[in-house]
Amino acid sequence: MDVCNAALAAILKSGLSTFAKIANDSFKSLISILTEQYLSLSATIILSRAASEMMQPINC
């Protein structure tokens, strides 16, 4: 029974560490994607504001 419990514990530990690694990699990937999207959106907003200001008539 002890051998069975030890084997089960080893399998669970291995599975949990693998799951933790996959979850960690996925989280890092998600953060990277979200950061990239945020920066892209920020650049788009800045460019659209600059373009709309350039379209304003000049009052002399």
C-alpha atoms as a PDB file:
ATOM      1  CA  MET A   1       0.000   0.000   0.000  1.00  0.00           C
ATOM      2  CA  ASP A   2       2.869   2.390   0.792  1.00  0.00           C
ATOM      3  CA  VAL A   3       4.397   1.770  -2.623  1.00  0.00           C
ATOM      4  CA  CYS A   4       1.044   2.523  -4.227  1.00  0.00           C
ATOM      5  CA  ASN A   5       0.664   5.745  -2.222  1.00  0.00           C
ATOM      6  CA  ALA A   6       4.219   6.794  -3.062  1.00  0.00           C
ATOM      7  CA  ALA A   7       3.617   6.143  -6.752  1.00  0.00           C
ATOM      8  CA  LEU A   8       0.343   8.070  -6.658  1.00  0.00           C
ATOM      9  CA  ALA A   9       2.031  10.965  -4.845  1.00  0.00           C
ATOM     10  CA  ALA A  10       4.834  11.030  -7.433  1.00  0.00           C
ATOM     11  CA  ILE A  11       2.327  11.058 -10.295  1.00  0.00           C
ATOM     12  CA  LEU A  12       0.320  13.859  -8.682  1.00  0.00           C
ATOM     13  CA  LYS A  13       3.449  15.900  -7.959  1.00  0.00           C
ATOM     14  CA  SER A  14       4.671  15.468 -11.529  1.00  0.00           C
ATOM     15  CA  GLY A  15       1.262  16.355 -12.931  1.00  0.00           C
ATOM     16  CA  LEU A  16       0.939  19.418 -10.725  1.00  0.00           C
ATOM     17  CA  SER A  17       4.395  20.713 -11.622  1.00  0.00           C
ATOM     18  CA  THR A  18       3.641  20.192 -15.320  1.00  0.00           C
ATOM     19  CA  PHE A  19       0.287  21.927 -14.928  1.00  0.00           C
ATOM     20  CA  ALA A  20       1.934  24.807 -13.031  1.00  0.00           C
ATOM     21  CA  LYS A  21       4.535  25.214 -15.781  1.00  0.00           C
ATOM     22  CA  ILE A  22       1.870  25.209 -18.515  1.00  0.00           C
ATOM     23  CA  ALA A  23      -0.279  27.668 -16.555  1.00  0.00           C
ATOM     24  CA  ASN A  24       2.732  29.922 -15.935  1.00  0.00           C
ATOM     25  CA  ASP A  25       3.725  29.875 -19.613  1.00  0.00           C
ATOM     26  CA  SER A  26       0.129  30.556 -20.655  1.00  0.00           C
ATOM     27  CA  PHE A  27      -0.146  33.439 -18.195  1.00  0.00           C
ATOM     28  CA  LYS A  28       3.103  34.986 -19.447  1.00  0.00           C
ATOM     29  CA  SER A  29       1.885  34.582 -23.017  1.00  0.00           C
ATOM     30  CA  LEU A  30      -1.471  36.163 -22.173  1.00  0.00           C
ATOM     31  CA  ILE A  31       0.216  39.128 -20.442  1.00  0.00           C
ATOM     32  CA  SER A  32       2.489  39.560 -23.453  1.00  0.00           C
ATOM     33  CA  ILE A  33      -0.450  39.523 -25.880  1.00  0.00           C
ATOM     34  CA  LEU A  34      -2.480  41.947 -23.757  1.00  0.00           C
ATOM     35  CA  THR A  35       0.487  44.314 -23.424  1.00  0.00           C
ATOM     36  CA  GLU A  36       1.025  44.232 -27.179  1.00  0.00           C
ATOM     37  CA  GLN A  37      -2.663  44.927 -27.822  1.00  0.00           C
ATOM     38  CA  TYR A  38      -2.684  47.781 -25.286  1.00  0.00           C
ATOM     39  CA  LEU A  39       0.370  49.406 -26.864  1.00  0.00           C
ATOM     40  CA  SER A  40      -1.138  49.015 -30.319  1.00  0.00           C
ATOM     41  CA  LEU A  41      -4.413  50.573 -29.173  1.00  0.00           C
ATOM     42  CA  SER A  42      -2.552  53.430 -27.453  1.00  0.00           C
ATOM     43  CA  ALA A  43      -0.585  54.140 -30.616  1.00  0.00           C
ATOM     44  CA  THR A  44      -3.788  54.116 -32.667  1.00  0.00           C
ATOM     45  CA  ILE A  45      -5.461  56.578 -30.291  1.00  0.00           C
ATOM     46  CA  ILE A  46      -2.440  58.896 -30.323  1.00  0.00           C
ATOM     47  CA  LEU A  47      -2.248  58.821 -34.120  1.00  0.00           C
ATOM     48  CA  SER A  48      -5.976  59.439 -34.527  1.00  0.00           C
ATOM     49  CA  ARG A  49      -5.827  62.404 -32.136  1.00  0.00           C
ATOM     50  CA  ALA A  50      -2.858  63.832 -34.009  1.00  0.00           C
ATOM     51  CA  ALA A  51      -4.663  63.374 -37.315  1.00  0.00           C
ATOM     52  CA  SER A  52      -7.837  65.036 -36.033  1.00  0.00           C
ATOM     53  CA  GLU A  53      -5.821  67.997 -34.722  1.00  0.00           C
ATOM     54  CA  MET A  54      -4.128  68.348 -38.103  1.00  0.00           C
ATOM     55  CA  MET A  55      -7.568  68.497 -39.744  1.00  0.00           C
ATOM     56  CA  GLN A  56      -8.696  71.456 -37.600  1.00  0.00           C
ATOM     57  CA  PRO A  57      -8.911  74.739 -39.481  1.00  0.00           C
ATOM     58  CA  ILE A  58      -6.207  77.229 -38.604  1.00  0.00           C
ATOM     59  CA  ASN A  59      -7.616  80.441 -37.138  1.00  0.00           C
ATOM     60  CA  CYS A  60      -5.262  83.344 -37.761  1.00  0.00           C
END
